[in-house]
């Protein structure tokens, strides 16, 4: 009975801790200048800013929507044609909103930047970003924006608490099961 109680306690603890972590959109900073100096096709986002060059270890640009409706798409993601993005700007409230509906072969968005005048802001989420609204008044002195750029994968994955809880719970149950097993020794 003692072993069953221990196994039940371990399982219950694993279930309580196993709720998935809720990631949130993180503002990584406000930077001077353009976000993709040197060209869109070599533009990469990192946790510390936007850099140029594929050797940067960053996340490559996917899609850029310019104020006025023109777009840029990356050659790295041929499935992206722009129809996956719905972008609206409300000049009365100075809020830019977007929705990203990826298709089967489309990349996952983890970063995005917004540029205005002589600077840009960078956001990140460890969970896939599929929509958002940003009040530009909180970041820029003037109304409006130049463009919004979306970037692919995020930083290397760190196991979520739910993953650790399930692993530890499984190890605990395996230990209880091994301890309960009786060794039978027979002599011939």
N, C-alpha and C. Protein backbone atom coordinates (compact mmCIF):
# COMPACT_ATOMS: atom_id res chain seq x y z
N UNK A 1 0.82 -1.19 0.00
CA UNK A 1 0.00 0.00 0.00
C UNK A 1 0.87 1.26 0.00
N UNK A 2 1.99 1.19 0.74
CA UNK A 2 2.89 2.32 0.83
C UNK A 2 3.43 2.68 -0.56
N UNK A 3 3.74 1.66 -1.37
CA UNK A 3 4.28 1.89 -2.72
C UNK A 3 3.22 2.50 -3.64
N UNK A 4 1.97 2.04 -3.50
CA UNK A 4 0.91 2.60 -4.32
C UNK A 4 0.67 4.07 -3.98
N UNK A 5 0.75 4.41 -2.70
CA UNK A 5 0.58 5.80 -2.29
C UNK A 5 1.69 6.66 -2.85
N UNK A 6 2.92 6.16 -2.82
CA UNK A 6 4.06 6.90 -3.37
C UNK A 6 3.90 7.09 -4.88
N UNK A 7 3.49 6.03 -5.57
CA UNK A 7 3.30 6.12 -7.02
C UNK A 7 2.19 7.12 -7.36
N UNK A 8 1.11 7.11 -6.60
CA UNK A 8 0.00 8.04 -6.83
C UNK A 8 0.45 9.48 -6.57
N UNK A 9 1.23 9.69 -5.53
CA UNK A 9 1.72 11.03 -5.21
C UNK A 9 2.63 11.54 -6.32
N UNK A 10 3.52 10.69 -6.81
CA UNK A 10 4.42 11.09 -7.90
C UNK A 10 3.64 11.42 -9.16
N UNK A 11 2.65 10.59 -9.48
CA UNK A 11 1.83 10.84 -10.67
C UNK A 11 1.05 12.13 -10.54
N UNK A 12 0.47 12.37 -9.38
CA UNK A 12 -0.28 13.59 -9.14
C UNK A 12 0.60 14.82 -9.23
N UNK A 13 1.81 14.75 -8.67
CA UNK A 13 2.74 15.88 -8.75
C UNK A 13 3.14 16.14 -10.19
N UNK A 14 3.36 15.09 -10.97
CA UNK A 14 3.73 15.26 -12.38
C UNK A 14 2.59 15.92 -13.15
N UNK A 15 1.35 15.55 -12.85
CA UNK A 15 0.22 16.15 -13.56
C UNK A 15 0.04 17.61 -13.17
N UNK A 16 0.27 17.96 -11.89
CA UNK A 16 0.11 19.34 -11.47
C UNK A 16 1.15 20.23 -12.13
N UNK A 17 2.38 19.76 -12.25
CA UNK A 17 3.46 20.55 -12.81
C UNK A 17 3.44 20.49 -14.33
N UNK A 18 2.74 19.51 -14.91
CA UNK A 18 2.81 19.27 -16.34
C UNK A 18 1.99 20.23 -17.19
N UNK A 19 1.36 21.22 -16.59
CA UNK A 19 0.63 22.20 -17.40
C UNK A 19 1.64 22.95 -18.27
N UNK A 20 1.38 23.11 -19.56
CA UNK A 20 2.34 23.77 -20.42
C UNK A 20 2.61 25.21 -19.99
N UNK A 21 3.86 25.61 -20.12
CA UNK A 21 4.24 26.97 -19.78
C UNK A 21 3.64 27.93 -20.80
N UNK A 22 3.16 29.04 -20.33
CA UNK A 22 2.57 30.04 -21.21
C UNK A 22 3.65 31.05 -21.57
N UNK A 23 4.11 31.00 -22.79
CA UNK A 23 5.09 31.97 -23.25
C UNK A 23 4.38 33.28 -23.56
N UNK A 24 5.11 34.35 -23.50
CA UNK A 24 4.53 35.64 -23.80
C UNK A 24 5.44 36.39 -24.77
N UNK A 25 4.84 37.32 -25.47
CA UNK A 25 5.59 38.15 -26.39
C UNK A 25 6.55 39.01 -25.58
N UNK A 26 7.81 39.00 -25.99
CA UNK A 26 8.85 39.73 -25.26
C UNK A 26 9.37 40.87 -26.15
N UNK A 27 9.38 42.07 -25.62
CA UNK A 27 9.99 43.20 -26.29
C UNK A 27 11.49 43.12 -26.06
N UNK A 28 12.25 42.92 -27.14
CA UNK A 28 13.71 42.76 -27.01
C UNK A 28 14.46 44.08 -27.08
N UNK A 29 13.84 45.11 -27.61
CA UNK A 29 14.52 46.40 -27.62
C UNK A 29 14.14 47.30 -28.76
N UNK A 30 14.60 48.54 -28.62
CA UNK A 30 14.43 49.55 -29.65
C UNK A 30 15.83 49.90 -30.15
N UNK A 31 15.99 49.89 -31.47
CA UNK A 31 17.30 50.04 -32.08
C UNK A 31 17.28 51.17 -33.09
N UNK A 32 18.43 51.83 -33.26
CA UNK A 32 18.55 52.90 -34.24
C UNK A 32 18.74 52.31 -35.63
N UNK A 33 18.28 53.02 -36.64
CA UNK A 33 18.52 52.62 -38.01
C UNK A 33 17.51 51.61 -38.53
N UNK A 34 17.83 51.09 -39.72
CA UNK A 34 16.98 50.13 -40.40
C UNK A 34 17.20 48.73 -39.82
N UNK A 35 16.17 47.89 -39.86
CA UNK A 35 16.31 46.53 -39.34
C UNK A 35 17.03 45.61 -40.31
N UNK A 36 16.97 45.86 -41.58
CA UNK A 36 17.59 44.96 -42.57
C UNK A 36 18.55 45.72 -43.48
N UNK A 37 19.55 46.33 -42.87
CA UNK A 37 20.56 47.04 -43.64
C UNK A 37 21.36 46.02 -44.44
N UNK A 38 21.48 46.22 -45.74
CA UNK A 38 22.26 45.28 -46.55
C UNK A 38 21.39 44.33 -47.34
N UNK A 39 20.09 44.41 -47.17
CA UNK A 39 19.20 43.59 -47.98
C UNK A 39 18.35 42.63 -47.18
N UNK A 40 17.14 42.43 -47.68
CA UNK A 40 16.17 41.58 -47.00
C UNK A 40 16.59 40.12 -46.99
N UNK A 41 17.20 39.64 -48.08
CA UNK A 41 17.51 38.20 -48.19
C UNK A 41 18.63 37.76 -47.25
N UNK A 42 19.37 38.70 -46.65
CA UNK A 42 20.43 38.32 -45.72
C UNK A 42 20.17 38.88 -44.32
N UNK A 43 18.92 39.11 -44.01
CA UNK A 43 18.52 39.72 -42.74
C UNK A 43 18.12 38.62 -41.74
N UNK A 44 18.70 38.67 -40.54
CA UNK A 44 18.45 37.65 -39.52
C UNK A 44 18.18 38.31 -38.16
N UNK A 45 17.20 37.79 -37.44
CA UNK A 45 16.88 38.29 -36.09
C UNK A 45 17.58 37.42 -35.05
N UNK A 46 18.05 38.06 -33.98
CA UNK A 46 18.64 37.36 -32.85
C UNK A 46 18.06 37.96 -31.57
N UNK A 47 18.39 37.40 -30.45
CA UNK A 47 17.91 37.91 -29.16
C UNK A 47 18.47 39.29 -28.84
N UNK A 48 19.55 39.68 -29.54
CA UNK A 48 20.19 40.97 -29.25
C UNK A 48 20.03 41.99 -30.37
N UNK A 49 19.28 41.66 -31.42
CA UNK A 49 19.05 42.61 -32.50
C UNK A 49 19.00 41.91 -33.85
N UNK A 50 18.93 42.71 -34.90
CA UNK A 50 18.88 42.19 -36.26
C UNK A 50 20.27 42.34 -36.88
N UNK A 51 20.74 41.27 -37.55
CA UNK A 51 22.07 41.27 -38.14
C UNK A 51 21.99 40.83 -39.60
N UNK A 52 23.04 41.05 -40.32
CA UNK A 52 23.13 40.64 -41.72
C UNK A 52 24.06 39.43 -41.85
N UNK A 53 23.72 38.49 -42.70
CA UNK A 53 24.58 37.36 -43.00
C UNK A 53 24.10 36.06 -42.43
N UNK A 54 24.14 35.00 -43.24
CA UNK A 54 23.62 33.69 -42.82
C UNK A 54 24.47 33.03 -41.76
N UNK A 55 25.70 33.45 -41.57
CA UNK A 55 26.56 32.86 -40.55
C UNK A 55 26.30 33.42 -39.17
N UNK A 56 25.29 34.25 -39.03
CA UNK A 56 25.02 34.92 -37.76
C UNK A 56 24.39 34.01 -36.72
N UNK A 57 23.84 32.88 -37.16
CA UNK A 57 23.13 32.01 -36.23
C UNK A 57 21.76 32.53 -35.87
N UNK A 58 21.31 33.54 -36.56
CA UNK A 58 20.00 34.12 -36.28
C UNK A 58 18.88 33.45 -37.05
N UNK A 59 17.71 34.04 -36.94
CA UNK A 59 16.52 33.54 -37.59
C UNK A 59 16.26 34.34 -38.86
N UNK A 60 16.16 33.68 -40.02
CA UNK A 60 16.06 34.42 -41.29
C UNK A 60 14.71 35.11 -41.47
N UNK A 61 14.77 36.24 -42.21
CA UNK A 61 13.57 36.98 -42.54
C UNK A 61 12.68 36.14 -43.45
N UNK A 62 11.37 36.23 -43.24
CA UNK A 62 10.38 35.49 -44.03
C UNK A 62 9.65 36.43 -44.98
N UNK A 63 9.12 37.52 -44.41
CA UNK A 63 8.20 38.37 -45.15
C UNK A 63 8.27 39.79 -44.60
N UNK A 64 8.22 40.77 -45.50
CA UNK A 64 8.19 42.17 -45.08
C UNK A 64 7.03 42.86 -45.77
N UNK A 65 6.24 43.58 -44.97
CA UNK A 65 5.11 44.34 -45.48
C UNK A 65 5.41 45.82 -45.28
N UNK A 66 5.48 46.55 -46.38
CA UNK A 66 5.79 47.97 -46.35
C UNK A 66 4.50 48.79 -46.26
N UNK A 67 4.58 49.91 -45.54
CA UNK A 67 3.45 50.83 -45.49
C UNK A 67 3.17 51.27 -46.92
N UNK A 68 2.00 51.04 -47.38
CA UNK A 68 1.64 51.31 -48.77
C UNK A 68 1.32 50.03 -49.53
N UNK A 69 1.64 48.88 -48.93
CA UNK A 69 1.20 47.61 -49.50
C UNK A 69 2.22 46.80 -50.27
N UNK A 70 3.40 47.35 -50.59
CA UNK A 70 4.40 46.52 -51.28
C UNK A 70 5.00 45.53 -50.29
N UNK A 71 5.53 44.43 -50.81
CA UNK A 71 6.05 43.37 -49.95
C UNK A 71 7.39 42.84 -50.46
N UNK A 72 8.10 42.17 -49.58
CA UNK A 72 9.30 41.41 -49.91
C UNK A 72 9.12 40.02 -49.33
N UNK A 73 9.50 38.99 -50.09
CA UNK A 73 9.47 37.62 -49.58
C UNK A 73 10.86 37.02 -49.72
N UNK A 74 11.18 36.10 -48.84
CA UNK A 74 12.49 35.46 -48.83
C UNK A 74 12.53 34.30 -49.81
N UNK A 75 13.65 34.13 -50.46
CA UNK A 75 13.84 32.97 -51.34
C UNK A 75 14.02 31.70 -50.53
N UNK A 76 14.29 31.82 -49.23
CA UNK A 76 14.45 30.64 -48.37
C UNK A 76 13.12 29.93 -48.12
N UNK A 77 12.01 30.66 -48.31
CA UNK A 77 10.69 30.12 -48.01
C UNK A 77 9.79 30.28 -49.23
N UNK A 78 9.95 29.41 -50.24
CA UNK A 78 9.19 29.56 -51.48
C UNK A 78 7.68 29.40 -51.31
N UNK A 79 7.24 28.78 -50.23
CA UNK A 79 5.80 28.60 -50.03
C UNK A 79 5.11 29.90 -49.60
N UNK A 80 5.87 30.88 -49.12
CA UNK A 80 5.30 32.15 -48.68
C UNK A 80 5.05 33.05 -49.88
N UNK A 81 3.80 33.47 -50.06
CA UNK A 81 3.48 34.40 -51.15
C UNK A 81 2.86 35.70 -50.63
N UNK A 82 2.71 35.81 -49.31
CA UNK A 82 2.14 37.01 -48.71
C UNK A 82 0.69 36.87 -48.32
N UNK A 83 -0.02 35.93 -48.95
CA UNK A 83 -1.44 35.75 -48.63
C UNK A 83 -1.64 35.19 -47.21
N UNK A 84 -0.58 34.70 -46.60
CA UNK A 84 -0.67 34.15 -45.24
C UNK A 84 -0.78 35.26 -44.19
N UNK A 85 -0.46 36.48 -44.58
CA UNK A 85 -0.43 37.61 -43.65
C UNK A 85 -1.58 38.58 -43.92
N UNK A 86 -2.26 38.98 -42.87
CA UNK A 86 -3.28 40.04 -42.94
C UNK A 86 -2.79 41.14 -42.00
N UNK A 87 -2.47 42.30 -42.55
CA UNK A 87 -1.89 43.38 -41.77
C UNK A 87 -2.77 44.62 -41.91
N UNK A 88 -3.11 45.21 -40.75
CA UNK A 88 -3.93 46.42 -40.76
C UNK A 88 -3.28 47.48 -39.87
N UNK A 89 -3.46 48.70 -40.27
CA UNK A 89 -2.95 49.83 -39.48
C UNK A 89 -4.09 50.81 -39.28
N UNK A 90 -4.35 51.17 -38.02
CA UNK A 90 -5.38 52.14 -37.68
C UNK A 90 -4.68 53.46 -37.35
N UNK A 91 -4.72 54.41 -38.26
CA UNK A 91 -4.06 55.69 -38.06
C UNK A 91 -4.66 56.50 -36.92
N UNK A 92 -5.92 56.28 -36.60
CA UNK A 92 -6.56 57.00 -35.50
C UNK A 92 -6.01 56.60 -34.14
N UNK A 93 -5.69 55.33 -33.98
CA UNK A 93 -5.16 54.85 -32.70
C UNK A 93 -3.67 54.56 -32.77
N UNK A 94 -3.09 54.61 -33.97
CA UNK A 94 -1.67 54.29 -34.21
C UNK A 94 -1.34 52.87 -33.76
N UNK A 95 -2.24 51.94 -34.06
CA UNK A 95 -2.06 50.53 -33.72
C UNK A 95 -1.91 49.72 -35.00
N UNK A 96 -0.85 48.93 -35.07
CA UNK A 96 -0.63 48.01 -36.18
C UNK A 96 -0.98 46.61 -35.69
N UNK A 97 -1.83 45.91 -36.44
CA UNK A 97 -2.25 44.55 -36.08
C UNK A 97 -1.97 43.61 -37.24
N UNK A 98 -1.74 42.35 -36.91
CA UNK A 98 -1.49 41.36 -37.96
C UNK A 98 -2.01 39.99 -37.54
N UNK A 99 -2.26 39.18 -38.54
CA UNK A 99 -2.59 37.77 -38.36
C UNK A 99 -1.77 36.99 -39.36
N UNK A 100 -1.19 35.90 -38.91
CA UNK A 100 -0.41 35.00 -39.77
C UNK A 100 -1.06 33.63 -39.74
N UNK A 101 -1.48 33.16 -40.90
CA UNK A 101 -2.11 31.85 -41.02
C UNK A 101 -1.21 30.99 -41.92
N UNK A 102 -0.28 30.25 -41.30
CA UNK A 102 0.67 29.48 -42.10
C UNK A 102 0.02 28.27 -42.76
N UNK A 103 0.50 27.95 -43.95
CA UNK A 103 0.09 26.74 -44.64
C UNK A 103 0.96 25.57 -44.19
N UNK A 104 0.75 24.42 -44.79
CA UNK A 104 1.43 23.19 -44.37
C UNK A 104 2.95 23.29 -44.46
N UNK A 105 3.49 23.96 -45.47
CA UNK A 105 4.94 24.04 -45.64
C UNK A 105 5.53 25.37 -45.23
N UNK A 106 4.75 26.21 -44.58
CA UNK A 106 5.21 27.54 -44.22
C UNK A 106 6.00 27.53 -42.91
N UNK A 107 6.93 28.47 -42.78
CA UNK A 107 7.74 28.54 -41.55
C UNK A 107 6.93 29.07 -40.37
N UNK A 108 7.51 28.94 -39.21
CA UNK A 108 6.91 29.45 -37.97
C UNK A 108 7.53 30.79 -37.66
N UNK A 109 6.72 31.76 -37.27
CA UNK A 109 7.21 33.08 -36.91
C UNK A 109 7.52 33.11 -35.42
N UNK A 110 8.74 33.56 -35.08
CA UNK A 110 9.12 33.74 -33.68
C UNK A 110 9.58 35.16 -33.37
N UNK A 111 9.96 35.91 -34.39
CA UNK A 111 10.39 37.30 -34.23
C UNK A 111 9.64 38.19 -35.20
N UNK A 112 9.47 39.46 -34.84
CA UNK A 112 9.06 40.46 -35.82
C UNK A 112 9.61 41.82 -35.40
N UNK A 113 9.87 42.65 -36.41
CA UNK A 113 10.31 44.02 -36.17
C UNK A 113 9.33 44.98 -36.81
N UNK A 114 9.30 46.19 -36.28
CA UNK A 114 8.53 47.28 -36.89
C UNK A 114 9.47 48.46 -36.98
N UNK A 115 9.52 49.07 -38.17
CA UNK A 115 10.40 50.20 -38.39
C UNK A 115 9.59 51.47 -38.60
N UNK A 116 10.15 52.55 -38.03
CA UNK A 116 9.58 53.87 -38.25
C UNK A 116 10.72 54.88 -38.19
N UNK A 117 10.73 55.79 -39.13
CA UNK A 117 11.72 56.87 -39.18
C UNK A 117 13.13 56.31 -39.04
N UNK A 118 13.82 56.66 -37.96
CA UNK A 118 15.22 56.28 -37.81
C UNK A 118 15.44 55.17 -36.79
N UNK A 119 14.48 54.28 -36.63
CA UNK A 119 14.65 53.20 -35.67
C UNK A 119 13.67 52.07 -35.90
N UNK A 120 13.89 50.99 -35.15
CA UNK A 120 12.98 49.84 -35.24
C UNK A 120 12.91 49.16 -33.88
N UNK A 121 11.81 48.43 -33.67
CA UNK A 121 11.59 47.68 -32.44
C UNK A 121 11.54 46.20 -32.78
N UNK A 122 11.99 45.37 -31.84
CA UNK A 122 12.10 43.92 -32.07
C UNK A 122 11.34 43.17 -30.97
N UNK A 123 10.52 42.19 -31.40
CA UNK A 123 9.75 41.35 -30.48
C UNK A 123 10.08 39.88 -30.72
N UNK A 124 9.89 39.06 -29.68
CA UNK A 124 10.18 37.63 -29.75
C UNK A 124 9.16 36.86 -28.91
N UNK A 125 8.84 35.66 -29.34
CA UNK A 125 8.03 34.74 -28.55
C UNK A 125 8.54 33.33 -28.81
N UNK A 126 8.75 32.55 -27.76
CA UNK A 126 9.21 31.17 -27.94
C UNK A 126 8.11 30.30 -28.54
N UNK A 127 6.86 30.68 -28.34
CA UNK A 127 5.75 30.01 -29.01
C UNK A 127 5.57 30.63 -30.39
N UNK A 128 4.99 29.89 -31.32
CA UNK A 128 4.75 30.49 -32.64
C UNK A 128 3.85 31.72 -32.55
N UNK A 129 4.23 32.76 -33.27
CA UNK A 129 3.45 34.00 -33.30
C UNK A 129 2.49 33.90 -34.49
N UNK A 130 1.20 34.00 -34.22
CA UNK A 130 0.20 33.95 -35.28
C UNK A 130 -0.63 35.22 -35.37
N UNK A 131 -0.53 36.09 -34.37
CA UNK A 131 -1.25 37.35 -34.41
C UNK A 131 -0.66 38.30 -33.38
N UNK A 132 -0.97 39.56 -33.57
CA UNK A 132 -0.51 40.55 -32.61
C UNK A 132 -1.02 41.93 -32.94
N UNK A 133 -1.00 42.80 -31.94
CA UNK A 133 -1.34 44.21 -32.09
C UNK A 133 -0.32 45.00 -31.28
N UNK A 134 0.23 46.04 -31.89
CA UNK A 134 1.22 46.86 -31.21
C UNK A 134 0.79 48.31 -31.29
N UNK A 135 0.70 48.94 -30.12
CA UNK A 135 0.41 50.36 -30.04
C UNK A 135 1.74 51.08 -30.28
N UNK A 136 1.90 51.66 -31.45
CA UNK A 136 3.16 52.28 -31.84
C UNK A 136 3.49 53.52 -31.01
N UNK A 137 2.47 54.13 -30.39
CA UNK A 137 2.72 55.29 -29.52
C UNK A 137 3.63 54.92 -28.34
N UNK A 138 3.61 53.67 -27.94
CA UNK A 138 4.43 53.23 -26.81
C UNK A 138 5.91 53.17 -27.16
N UNK A 139 6.24 53.18 -28.46
CA UNK A 139 7.63 52.98 -28.88
C UNK A 139 8.20 54.11 -29.74
N UNK A 140 7.34 54.80 -30.47
CA UNK A 140 7.80 55.84 -31.39
C UNK A 140 7.18 57.19 -31.05
N UNK A 141 7.90 58.27 -31.36
CA UNK A 141 7.42 59.62 -31.05
C UNK A 141 6.41 60.13 -32.06
N UNK A 142 6.46 59.60 -33.28
CA UNK A 142 5.57 60.05 -34.34
C UNK A 142 4.61 58.92 -34.70
N UNK A 143 3.45 59.26 -35.26
CA UNK A 143 2.53 58.21 -35.71
C UNK A 143 3.02 57.57 -37.01
N UNK A 144 2.55 56.37 -37.29
CA UNK A 144 2.86 55.68 -38.53
C UNK A 144 3.99 54.67 -38.41
N UNK A 145 4.27 54.02 -39.54
CA UNK A 145 5.33 53.02 -39.57
C UNK A 145 5.86 52.93 -41.01
N UNK A 146 7.05 52.41 -41.16
CA UNK A 146 7.65 52.19 -42.47
C UNK A 146 7.33 50.79 -42.97
N UNK A 147 7.63 49.77 -42.12
CA UNK A 147 7.35 48.38 -42.48
C UNK A 147 7.38 47.48 -41.26
N UNK A 148 6.85 46.27 -41.44
CA UNK A 148 6.92 45.22 -40.43
C UNK A 148 7.56 44.01 -41.10
N UNK A 149 8.52 43.38 -40.41
CA UNK A 149 9.24 42.22 -40.94
C UNK A 149 9.07 41.05 -39.99
N UNK A 150 8.81 39.87 -40.55
CA UNK A 150 8.63 38.65 -39.77
C UNK A 150 9.81 37.72 -40.00
N UNK A 151 10.22 37.00 -38.94
CA UNK A 151 11.38 36.12 -38.99
C UNK A 151 10.99 34.72 -38.53
N UNK A 152 11.74 33.74 -39.02
CA UNK A 152 11.48 32.32 -38.79
C UNK A 152 11.75 31.88 -37.35
N UNK A 153 12.40 30.76 -37.18
CA UNK A 153 12.55 30.06 -35.91
C UNK A 153 13.16 30.90 -34.81
N UNK A 154 12.89 30.48 -33.59
CA UNK A 154 13.39 31.19 -32.43
C UNK A 154 14.71 30.64 -31.93
N UNK A 155 15.04 31.01 -30.72
CA UNK A 155 16.26 30.54 -30.08
C UNK A 155 16.17 29.04 -29.87
N UNK A 156 17.32 28.38 -29.65
CA UNK A 156 17.27 26.94 -29.41
C UNK A 156 16.29 26.59 -28.30
N UNK A 157 15.57 25.51 -28.52
CA UNK A 157 14.49 25.14 -27.60
C UNK A 157 15.04 24.73 -26.24
N UNK A 158 14.38 25.20 -25.20
CA UNK A 158 14.66 24.80 -23.83
C UNK A 158 13.46 23.99 -23.39
N UNK A 159 13.68 22.79 -22.83
CA UNK A 159 12.52 21.98 -22.44
C UNK A 159 11.61 22.75 -21.49
N UNK A 160 10.31 22.64 -21.74
CA UNK A 160 9.33 23.31 -20.90
C UNK A 160 9.18 22.55 -19.59
N UNK A 161 8.67 23.22 -18.55
CA UNK A 161 8.46 22.55 -17.26
C UNK A 161 7.61 21.29 -17.38
N UNK A 162 6.66 21.29 -18.30
CA UNK A 162 5.81 20.11 -18.47
C UNK A 162 6.63 18.91 -18.93
N UNK A 163 7.60 19.14 -19.80
CA UNK A 163 8.46 18.07 -20.29
C UNK A 163 9.29 17.50 -19.14
N UNK A 164 9.88 18.40 -18.35
CA UNK A 164 10.68 17.94 -17.20
C UNK A 164 9.80 17.17 -16.20
N UNK A 165 8.61 17.65 -15.94
CA UNK A 165 7.72 16.98 -14.99
C UNK A 165 7.35 15.58 -15.46
N UNK A 166 7.04 15.45 -16.75
CA UNK A 166 6.68 14.13 -17.27
C UNK A 166 7.87 13.18 -17.19
N UNK A 167 9.07 13.68 -17.52
CA UNK A 167 10.25 12.83 -17.46
C UNK A 167 10.53 12.38 -16.02
N UNK A 168 10.49 13.32 -15.08
CA UNK A 168 10.76 12.97 -13.68
C UNK A 168 9.68 12.04 -13.11
N UNK A 169 8.42 12.31 -13.49
CA UNK A 169 7.34 11.42 -13.05
C UNK A 169 7.53 10.01 -13.58
N UNK A 170 7.91 9.90 -14.85
CA UNK A 170 8.15 8.58 -15.45
C UNK A 170 9.30 7.85 -14.78
N UNK A 171 10.37 8.58 -14.50
CA UNK A 171 11.51 7.96 -13.81
C UNK A 171 11.12 7.51 -12.41
N UNK A 172 10.31 8.34 -11.73
CA UNK A 172 9.85 7.95 -10.39
C UNK A 172 9.00 6.69 -10.42
N UNK A 173 8.09 6.62 -11.38
CA UNK A 173 7.24 5.42 -11.50
C UNK A 173 8.07 4.19 -11.88
N UNK A 174 9.06 4.38 -12.75
CA UNK A 174 9.93 3.26 -13.11
C UNK A 174 10.70 2.78 -11.88
N UNK A 175 11.16 3.72 -11.06
CA UNK A 175 11.87 3.34 -9.83
C UNK A 175 10.98 2.58 -8.87
N UNK A 176 9.74 3.03 -8.72
CA UNK A 176 8.79 2.34 -7.84
C UNK A 176 8.52 0.93 -8.37
N UNK A 177 8.34 0.80 -9.66
CA UNK A 177 8.06 -0.51 -10.26
C UNK A 177 9.25 -1.45 -10.07
N UNK A 178 10.46 -0.94 -10.24
CA UNK A 178 11.65 -1.79 -10.06
C UNK A 178 11.79 -2.21 -8.61
N UNK A 179 11.45 -1.31 -7.71
CA UNK A 179 11.59 -1.62 -6.29
C UNK A 179 10.58 -2.68 -5.85
N UNK A 180 9.40 -2.67 -6.48
CA UNK A 180 8.35 -3.62 -6.13
C UNK A 180 8.66 -5.02 -6.65
N UNK A 181 9.46 -5.08 -7.72
CA UNK A 181 9.78 -6.38 -8.31
C UNK A 181 10.57 -7.22 -7.32
N UNK A 182 10.13 -8.43 -7.09
CA UNK A 182 10.82 -9.32 -6.17
C UNK A 182 11.78 -10.20 -6.94
N UNK A 183 12.95 -10.30 -6.44
CA UNK A 183 13.95 -11.14 -7.06
C UNK A 183 13.82 -12.56 -6.50
N UNK A 184 13.67 -13.50 -7.39
CA UNK A 184 13.55 -14.89 -6.98
C UNK A 184 14.87 -15.58 -7.30
N UNK A 185 15.48 -16.12 -6.29
CA UNK A 185 16.73 -16.83 -6.51
C UNK A 185 16.45 -18.31 -6.32
N UNK A 186 16.84 -19.11 -7.26
CA UNK A 186 16.64 -20.56 -7.11
C UNK A 186 17.99 -21.22 -7.28
N UNK A 187 18.18 -22.26 -6.48
CA UNK A 187 19.40 -23.04 -6.54
C UNK A 187 19.07 -24.41 -7.08
N UNK A 188 19.86 -24.90 -7.97
CA UNK A 188 19.59 -26.21 -8.54
C UNK A 188 20.29 -27.30 -7.79
